[in-house]
Protein backbone atom coordinates (compact mmCIF):
# COMPACT_ATOMS: atom_id res chain seq x y z
CA MET A 1 -35.29 -24.72 -49.55
CA GLU A 2 -36.90 -21.89 -48.05
CA SER A 3 -36.39 -18.28 -48.98
CA LEU A 4 -35.92 -15.57 -46.30
CA ASP A 5 -35.29 -11.90 -46.68
CA CYS A 6 -33.23 -11.50 -43.57
CA VAL A 7 -31.38 -13.99 -40.72
CA VAL A 8 -30.39 -13.13 -37.32
CA ILE A 9 -27.97 -15.58 -35.98
CA GLY A 10 -28.29 -15.28 -32.07
CA ALA A 11 -30.14 -13.58 -29.78
CA GLY A 12 -27.69 -12.20 -27.12
CA VAL A 13 -28.18 -8.33 -26.83
CA VAL A 14 -26.26 -7.60 -29.90
CA GLY A 15 -28.05 -9.82 -31.97
CA LEU A 16 -31.71 -8.51 -30.89
CA ALA A 17 -30.15 -4.69 -31.37
CA ALA A 18 -29.50 -5.98 -35.16
CA ALA A 19 -32.47 -7.60 -35.63
CA ARG A 20 -34.66 -4.54 -34.03
CA ALA A 21 -32.90 -2.14 -36.31
CA LEU A 22 -33.40 -4.23 -39.51
CA ALA A 23 -37.07 -4.64 -38.72
CA LEU A 24 -37.74 -1.23 -38.10
CA ALA A 25 -36.34 -0.85 -41.44
CA GLY A 26 -38.58 -2.68 -42.81
CA ARG A 27 -37.03 -5.81 -43.60
CA GLU A 28 -38.58 -9.59 -43.11
CA VAL A 29 -36.39 -10.81 -40.09
CA VAL A 30 -36.03 -14.31 -38.77
CA VAL A 31 -33.45 -14.84 -35.64
CA LEU A 32 -32.14 -18.41 -35.33
CA GLU A 33 -31.06 -19.00 -31.83
CA ALA A 34 -29.59 -22.42 -30.71
CA GLU A 35 -30.59 -22.25 -27.18
CA LYS A 36 -34.18 -22.24 -25.62
CA SER A 37 -34.08 -18.21 -25.11
CA ILE A 38 -32.73 -15.10 -25.40
CA GLY A 39 -29.08 -13.76 -23.87
CA THR A 40 -28.19 -17.16 -22.68
CA GLY A 41 -24.32 -16.57 -23.36
CA ILE A 42 -21.92 -13.55 -23.07
CA SER A 43 -25.20 -11.18 -22.47
CA SER A 44 -26.08 -12.76 -19.10
CA ARG A 45 -22.26 -13.18 -17.68
CA ASN A 46 -21.14 -9.65 -17.97
CA SER A 47 -20.87 -7.36 -14.84
CA GLU A 48 -24.01 -5.13 -16.90
CA VAL A 49 -21.94 -1.90 -16.74
CA ILE A 50 -22.57 0.91 -19.17
CA HIS A 51 -19.42 2.48 -20.43
CA ALA A 52 -18.76 5.76 -21.41
CA GLY A 53 -15.94 5.34 -23.70
CA LEU A 54 -12.56 5.73 -21.63
CA TYR A 55 -10.19 2.56 -22.68
CA TYR A 56 -10.30 2.39 -26.87
CA PRO A 57 -7.72 4.07 -28.98
CA GLU A 58 -8.57 6.78 -31.64
CA GLY A 59 -9.55 5.69 -34.69
CA SER A 60 -10.89 1.90 -33.37
CA HIS A 61 -14.47 1.30 -33.37
CA LYS A 62 -14.91 1.06 -29.87
CA ALA A 63 -13.90 4.39 -29.26
CA ARG A 64 -16.62 5.26 -32.30
CA LEU A 65 -19.27 3.34 -30.84
CA CYS A 66 -18.79 3.52 -27.22
CA PRO A 67 -19.77 7.19 -26.64
CA LYS A 68 -22.64 7.18 -29.11
CA GLY A 69 -23.98 3.78 -27.86
CA ASN A 70 -23.99 5.08 -24.36
CA ALA A 71 -25.92 8.21 -25.08
CA LEU A 72 -28.65 6.09 -27.10
CA LEU A 73 -28.58 3.76 -24.32
CA TYR A 74 -29.42 5.94 -21.58
CA ALA A 75 -31.99 7.37 -24.37
CA TYR A 76 -33.62 4.14 -24.75
CA CYS A 77 -33.80 2.78 -21.24
CA GLU A 78 -35.62 6.23 -19.93
CA GLN A 79 -37.84 5.72 -22.71
CA ARG A 80 -39.09 2.22 -22.40
CA LYS A 81 -38.59 2.48 -18.38
CA ILE A 82 -35.70 0.09 -18.04
CA ALA A 83 -34.09 0.03 -14.73
CA HIS A 84 -30.64 1.76 -14.96
CA ARG A 85 -28.18 4.15 -13.01
CA ARG A 86 -25.89 6.32 -13.53
CA LEU A 87 -23.47 5.83 -10.95
CA GLY A 88 -20.35 7.33 -12.20
CA LYS A 89 -17.46 5.41 -12.57
CA LEU A 90 -13.94 5.95 -10.80
CA VAL A 91 -10.53 4.98 -12.61
CA ILE A 92 -7.87 5.08 -9.95
CA ALA A 93 -4.11 5.20 -9.71
CA THR A 94 -2.84 3.50 -6.86
CA GLU A 95 1.05 4.05 -7.49
CA ARG A 96 2.74 7.23 -9.03
CA GLU A 97 4.19 5.28 -12.35
CA GLN A 98 0.32 4.51 -13.40
CA ILE A 99 -0.43 8.01 -13.50
CA GLY A 100 0.78 8.54 -17.13
CA VAL A 101 -1.36 5.72 -18.02
CA LEU A 102 -4.48 7.33 -16.33
CA LYS A 103 -3.66 10.56 -18.07
CA ALA A 104 -3.31 8.50 -21.32
CA LEU A 105 -7.06 7.10 -20.79
CA ARG A 106 -8.45 11.10 -20.25
CA ALA A 107 -6.59 11.76 -23.51
CA ALA A 108 -7.87 8.83 -25.75
CA ALA A 109 -11.64 9.25 -24.37
CA GLN A 110 -11.36 13.03 -24.67
CA ALA A 111 -10.59 12.45 -28.43
CA ALA A 112 -13.10 9.99 -28.60
CA GLY A 113 -16.06 12.52 -27.19
CA VAL A 114 -16.22 11.21 -24.04
CA PRO A 115 -18.03 14.27 -22.12
CA GLU A 116 -17.65 15.53 -18.72
CA LEU A 117 -14.51 13.87 -17.20
CA GLN A 118 -12.99 15.35 -14.06
CA TRP A 119 -9.13 14.69 -13.10
CA LEU A 120 -9.00 14.25 -9.25
CA ALA A 121 -6.62 14.90 -6.48
CA PRO A 122 -6.28 11.90 -3.97
CA GLU A 123 -8.73 14.13 -1.19
CA GLU A 124 -10.90 14.82 -4.26
CA VAL A 125 -11.35 11.06 -4.68
CA GLY A 126 -11.87 10.46 -1.08
CA VAL A 127 -14.69 12.99 -0.90
CA LEU A 128 -16.81 10.55 -3.65
CA GLU A 129 -15.28 7.39 -1.74
CA PRO A 130 -13.62 7.81 1.93
CA GLU A 131 -12.73 4.01 1.73
CA LEU A 132 -10.45 4.21 -1.30
CA SER A 133 -6.66 5.02 -1.11
CA CYS A 134 -5.05 6.52 -4.56
CA VAL A 135 -2.59 8.95 -5.86
CA ALA A 136 -4.68 10.24 -8.50
CA GLY A 137 -8.35 9.48 -10.06
CA LEU A 138 -10.12 9.93 -12.93
CA PHE A 139 -13.97 10.38 -12.66
CA SER A 140 -16.64 9.92 -15.06
CA PRO A 141 -20.09 10.66 -14.55
CA THR A 142 -21.70 9.03 -17.64
CA SER A 143 -21.05 5.41 -16.58
CA GLY A 144 -23.26 3.47 -15.17
CA ILE A 145 -25.33 0.40 -15.00
CA VAL A 146 -28.56 -1.64 -16.47
CA ASP A 147 -30.82 -4.45 -16.13
CA SER A 148 -29.50 -6.25 -18.96
CA HIS A 149 -32.47 -8.88 -18.94
CA ALA A 150 -34.83 -5.93 -19.20
CA LEU A 151 -33.00 -4.46 -21.94
CA MET A 152 -32.92 -7.93 -24.37
CA LEU A 153 -36.98 -8.35 -23.58
CA SER A 154 -37.70 -4.91 -24.57
CA LEU A 155 -35.48 -5.01 -27.79
CA GLN A 156 -36.78 -8.51 -28.64
CA ALA A 157 -40.42 -6.43 -28.12
CA ASP A 158 -39.59 -3.95 -30.59
CA ALA A 159 -38.09 -6.59 -33.03
CA GLU A 160 -41.34 -8.97 -32.63
CA GLU A 161 -43.62 -5.50 -32.72
CA ALA A 162 -42.15 -4.85 -36.07
CA GLY A 163 -42.43 -8.00 -37.56
CA ALA A 164 -39.25 -10.12 -36.45
CA LEU A 165 -39.68 -13.86 -35.96
CA PHE A 166 -37.76 -16.03 -33.30
CA ALA A 167 -36.94 -19.58 -33.86
CA PHE A 168 -35.59 -21.30 -30.54
CA GLN A 169 -33.50 -23.90 -30.62
CA SER A 170 -32.70 -23.54 -34.17
CA PRO A 171 -28.36 -24.14 -34.01
CA VAL A 172 -27.23 -23.17 -37.58
CA ILE A 173 -25.05 -26.10 -38.32
CA SER A 174 -23.25 -25.19 -41.77
CA GLY A 175 -24.04 -22.59 -44.53
CA ALA A 176 -22.95 -22.44 -48.07
CA ILE A 177 -22.06 -18.73 -49.92
CA SER A 178 -24.56 -18.34 -52.60
CA ASP A 179 -25.91 -15.98 -55.17
CA PRO A 180 -28.26 -14.17 -54.55
CA GLY A 181 -27.54 -14.68 -50.69
CA PRO A 182 -26.04 -17.80 -48.36
CA ILE A 183 -27.70 -20.55 -47.85
CA LEU A 184 -27.67 -22.08 -44.22
CA THR A 185 -28.57 -25.59 -42.76
CA VAL A 186 -30.45 -24.92 -39.56
CA GLY A 187 -31.04 -27.84 -36.83
CA THR A 188 -31.03 -31.53 -36.47
CA GLU A 189 -33.01 -34.81 -37.01
CA PRO A 190 -33.97 -33.25 -39.85
CA SER A 191 -32.24 -30.09 -40.79
CA LEU A 192 -33.51 -27.57 -43.03
CA SER A 193 -32.11 -25.70 -45.73
CA VAL A 194 -32.88 -22.06 -45.95
CA ARG A 195 -31.52 -19.20 -48.65
CA ALA A 196 -31.32 -15.68 -46.94
CA LEU A 197 -30.87 -12.38 -49.04
CA THR A 198 -28.98 -11.02 -45.92
CA VAL A 199 -27.52 -13.14 -42.91
CA VAL A 200 -26.06 -11.55 -39.89
CA ASN A 201 -23.74 -13.57 -37.72
CA CYS A 202 -24.01 -12.69 -33.96
CA ALA A 203 -23.21 -15.91 -32.74
CA GLY A 204 -20.95 -14.91 -30.05
CA LEU A 205 -18.32 -17.00 -28.67
CA GLY A 206 -19.56 -19.27 -31.82
CA ALA A 207 -19.05 -16.57 -34.50
CA GLN A 208 -15.82 -18.00 -35.91
CA GLY A 209 -16.76 -21.54 -35.71
CA LEU A 210 -19.87 -20.54 -37.61
CA ALA A 211 -18.19 -18.73 -40.03
CA ARG A 212 -15.52 -21.39 -40.45
CA SER A 213 -18.49 -23.93 -41.30
CA ILE A 214 -19.46 -21.74 -44.46
CA ARG A 215 -18.41 -23.13 -47.50
CA GLY A 216 -16.79 -21.01 -49.99
CA LEU A 217 -15.83 -18.02 -47.33
CA ALA A 218 -12.40 -17.14 -47.76
CA PRO A 219 -10.99 -18.47 -44.66
CA GLU A 220 -8.53 -15.38 -44.37
CA SER A 221 -11.43 -13.29 -43.72
CA ILE A 222 -12.31 -15.08 -40.40
CA PRO A 223 -9.56 -13.78 -37.64
CA GLU A 224 -8.24 -16.17 -35.04
CA GLU A 225 -10.03 -15.92 -31.45
CA SER A 226 -8.88 -16.51 -28.38
CA PHE A 227 -10.94 -16.57 -25.18
CA ALA A 228 -10.48 -15.12 -21.98
CA LYS A 229 -12.36 -16.51 -18.97
CA GLY A 230 -13.38 -13.63 -15.87
CA CYS A 231 -14.54 -14.85 -12.36
CA TYR A 232 -16.62 -12.54 -10.33
CA PHE A 233 -16.76 -12.85 -6.62
CA SER A 234 -19.32 -10.92 -4.31
CA LEU A 235 -18.99 -8.85 -1.46
CA THR A 236 -20.69 -10.88 1.86
CA THR A 237 -20.90 -7.60 3.89
CA PRO A 238 -22.69 -4.43 3.17
CA SER A 239 -20.99 -2.23 0.56
CA PRO A 240 -19.20 1.26 1.51
CA PHE A 241 -19.15 2.26 -2.27
CA ALA A 242 -21.47 4.60 -4.17
CA HIS A 243 -19.62 4.45 -7.61
CA LEU A 244 -17.78 2.29 -9.97
CA VAL A 245 -14.44 1.65 -9.14
CA TYR A 246 -11.79 0.69 -11.28
CA PRO A 247 -7.82 0.37 -10.84
CA VAL A 248 -6.11 1.28 -14.43
CA PRO A 249 -6.47 -1.56 -17.09
CA GLU A 250 -4.31 -4.63 -17.53
CA PRO A 251 -3.46 -6.70 -20.44
CA GLY A 252 -6.32 -8.35 -21.50
CA GLY A 253 -9.03 -6.87 -18.97
CA LEU A 254 -9.68 -3.93 -16.95
CA GLY A 255 -8.56 -5.25 -13.61
CA VAL A 256 -10.58 -6.71 -10.91
CA HIS A 257 -12.89 -3.73 -10.30
CA LEU A 258 -15.92 -2.97 -8.25
CA THR A 259 -19.08 -2.56 -9.76
CA LEU A 260 -22.55 -2.39 -7.92
CA ASP A 261 -25.90 -4.29 -8.72
CA LEU A 262 -29.29 -1.78 -9.01
CA ALA A 263 -30.01 -3.08 -5.23
CA GLY A 264 -26.47 -1.98 -4.21
CA ARG A 265 -24.87 -5.39 -3.70
CA ALA A 266 -21.11 -5.09 -4.58
CA ARG A 267 -18.95 -7.59 -6.77
CA PHE A 268 -15.73 -7.80 -7.61
CA GLY A 269 -14.00 -8.66 -11.38
CA PRO A 270 -13.80 -9.91 -13.96
CA ASP A 271 -9.95 -11.14 -13.71
CA VAL A 272 -8.63 -12.77 -16.67
CA GLU A 273 -7.81 -16.21 -17.49
CA TRP A 274 -6.56 -17.04 -20.97
CA LEU A 275 -8.19 -20.36 -22.11
CA GLU A 276 -6.57 -23.23 -24.11
CA THR A 277 -9.68 -24.06 -25.82
CA THR A 278 -12.33 -22.37 -28.00
CA ASP A 279 -14.58 -25.05 -28.08
CA VAL A 280 -17.64 -23.34 -26.83
CA LEU A 281 -19.01 -26.28 -26.12
CA ALA A 282 -16.11 -27.21 -23.48
CA LEU A 283 -16.31 -24.21 -21.22
CA ASP A 284 -16.35 -24.60 -17.49
CA TYR A 285 -18.36 -21.60 -16.07
CA ARG A 286 -17.40 -22.64 -12.28
CA VAL A 287 -15.42 -19.89 -10.04
CA ASP A 288 -12.65 -21.71 -8.13
CA PRO A 289 -13.10 -20.57 -4.76
CA SER A 290 -9.12 -20.39 -4.56
CA ARG A 291 -8.93 -17.29 -6.56
CA ALA A 292 -10.21 -15.52 -3.57
CA ALA A 293 -6.59 -14.86 -2.49
CA SER A 294 -5.55 -13.37 -5.65
CA PHE A 295 -8.98 -11.05 -5.65
CA THR A 296 -8.48 -9.87 -1.93
CA GLN A 297 -4.95 -9.04 -3.01
CA ALA A 298 -5.90 -6.97 -6.33
CA ILE A 299 -8.47 -5.30 -4.29
CA ARG A 300 -6.68 -4.29 -1.11
CA ARG A 301 -4.32 -1.96 -3.31
CA TYR A 302 -6.90 0.47 -3.79
CA TRP A 303 -9.67 -0.95 -0.83
CA PRO A 304 -7.26 -1.73 2.28
CA GLY A 305 -10.02 -2.20 4.65
CA LEU A 306 -11.56 -4.80 2.67
CA PRO A 307 -12.63 -7.54 5.30
CA GLU A 308 -11.11 -10.70 5.69
CA ASN A 309 -12.88 -13.71 4.55
CA ALA A 310 -15.21 -10.86 2.58
CA LEU A 311 -15.48 -12.67 -0.63
CA VAL A 312 -17.65 -15.64 -2.19
CA PRO A 313 -17.47 -16.95 -5.55
CA ASP A 314 -20.08 -15.47 -7.67
CA TYR A 315 -20.14 -16.28 -11.61
CA ALA A 316 -18.20 -16.46 -14.55
CA GLY A 317 -18.09 -15.31 -18.22
CA VAL A 318 -15.82 -15.59 -21.12
CA ARG A 319 -14.51 -13.08 -23.68
CA PRO A 320 -14.16 -13.58 -27.33
CA LYS A 321 -11.00 -11.53 -28.20
CA LEU A 322 -8.75 -11.80 -31.14
CA LYS A 323 -6.22 -13.81 -31.33
CA ARG A 324 -3.65 -11.25 -32.26
CA ALA A 325 -4.65 -9.18 -29.46
CA GLN A 326 -3.68 -11.57 -26.69
CA ARG A 327 -2.00 -9.39 -24.79
CA GLY A 328 -3.14 -6.11 -26.48
CA PHE A 329 -6.24 -4.31 -27.66
CA SER A 330 -8.86 -6.44 -29.46
CA ASP A 331 -11.48 -4.40 -31.61
CA PHE A 332 -14.77 -4.88 -32.88
CA ILE A 333 -14.85 -6.74 -36.04
CA LEU A 334 -17.89 -6.26 -38.52
CA SER A 335 -16.86 -8.36 -41.70
CA GLY A 336 -19.34 -7.70 -44.85
CA PRO A 337 -19.25 -8.21 -48.33
CA GLN A 338 -16.54 -5.57 -48.70
CA SER A 339 -14.16 -7.27 -47.10
CA HIS A 340 -14.75 -11.05 -47.91
CA GLY A 341 -16.73 -10.64 -51.18
CA ALA A 342 -19.71 -13.34 -50.40
CA ARG A 343 -22.96 -11.59 -51.06
CA GLY A 344 -25.11 -10.76 -48.21
CA LEU A 345 -23.00 -11.97 -45.29
CA TYR A 346 -22.07 -10.29 -42.32
CA ASN A 347 -19.81 -11.66 -39.25
CA LEU A 348 -19.38 -10.09 -36.35
CA PHE A 349 -16.09 -11.09 -34.20
CA ALA A 350 -14.58 -10.13 -30.77
CA ILE A 351 -17.68 -8.52 -30.06
CA GLU A 352 -17.09 -8.58 -26.31
CA SER A 353 -17.02 -5.21 -23.64
CA PRO A 354 -18.46 -2.62 -24.20
CA GLY A 355 -20.80 -4.75 -26.38
CA LEU A 356 -23.55 -4.45 -24.17
CA THR A 357 -23.23 -0.22 -23.87
CA CYS A 358 -22.58 -0.37 -27.84
CA CYS A 359 -25.59 -2.78 -28.94
CA LEU A 360 -27.74 0.24 -30.21
CA ALA A 361 -24.90 1.98 -31.96
CA LEU A 362 -24.08 -1.71 -33.41
CA GLY A 363 -27.54 -2.16 -34.75
CA ASP A 364 -27.83 1.40 -36.65
CA TRP A 365 -24.17 0.33 -38.24
CA ILE A 366 -25.04 -3.02 -39.16
CA LEU A 367 -28.28 -1.58 -40.71
CA ALA A 368 -26.11 1.24 -42.81
CA LEU A 369 -23.55 -1.65 -43.80
CA VAL A 370 -26.55 -3.85 -44.79
CA SER A 371 -28.62 -0.77 -46.35
CA GLN A 372 -25.44 0.32 -48.49
CA GLU A 373 -25.15 -3.30 -49.95
CA LYS A 374 -29.20 -3.38 -51.14
CA ARG A 375 -28.82 0.06 -52.48
CA HIS A 376 -25.69 -1.04 -54.70
CA ALA A 377 -26.74 -4.42 -55.93
């Protein structure tokens, strides 16, 4: 059996940030990734938005980490010359009944330390985006977009420069709680057993399934998951918008919103489709063209001028959420020895949006908890 210092499972954006933080702190890190390359799961199927932290209840991990992650990410992108843009985001109420929701968003965001928020009357929204129809708006100038793949390549390069090793096509099949650290079974035909002092489970959609495969881990420490599929449609005509545009949020998501890529191309989504399955291998990422009708209806609430037949299917993603929060708020969970009692094991559950924005802050959080355990060992 091979002995390792630190294993990170999963090379999505959060796994890469965790590996980077641990390697820069002097840990000997090995990243185990089931696929052939980095970022093939949740990290490659999102809107690439840098969130400001508008949507999260006071005291939640998302409320704490998103404003911090926003600042860290902009600074990192500027330092590393990673393509990004501070477009600013408009969150708009299209009916008077939604104004209270918008005010609650502003209050929560201000409590979390989100800077520079501006309340806008309809005519002020019209100055920024003449095509929009609304009764009120909230403007967040620190929201933006980023080239997520370039970001992940940079995080990988930082981790490797600090000594981290990457093993691709190396799925973790199972594990067992042990002392001084978990034992993992890696790969198939033949498999390899490794013991690590620290294991960080950043397996995304497969995080709960992986945790359940670890013998000796308390089942009650693994929250039941639920998957929400979200489809995106792109705009076939030139976009008249210069900012991100979001309706007020809905259960399970942020509504069918408008995002722009770095080339200025507009896309809309995601919608929310709760899936019956949590089998990662059974997921269907196809976009049903017939969903364009519901997208058109939702978009025209805030953009009445959307041309006929201007939407085409683009791509879809699946978000890992907590089953108990299917109709409400789903927070990040970082379950370590302090909560489940198993030495050296850290499980990250329900790491969805704003995980991309929070990646560097999540990496710092993981490092802090791992370092705290090592000091007390």
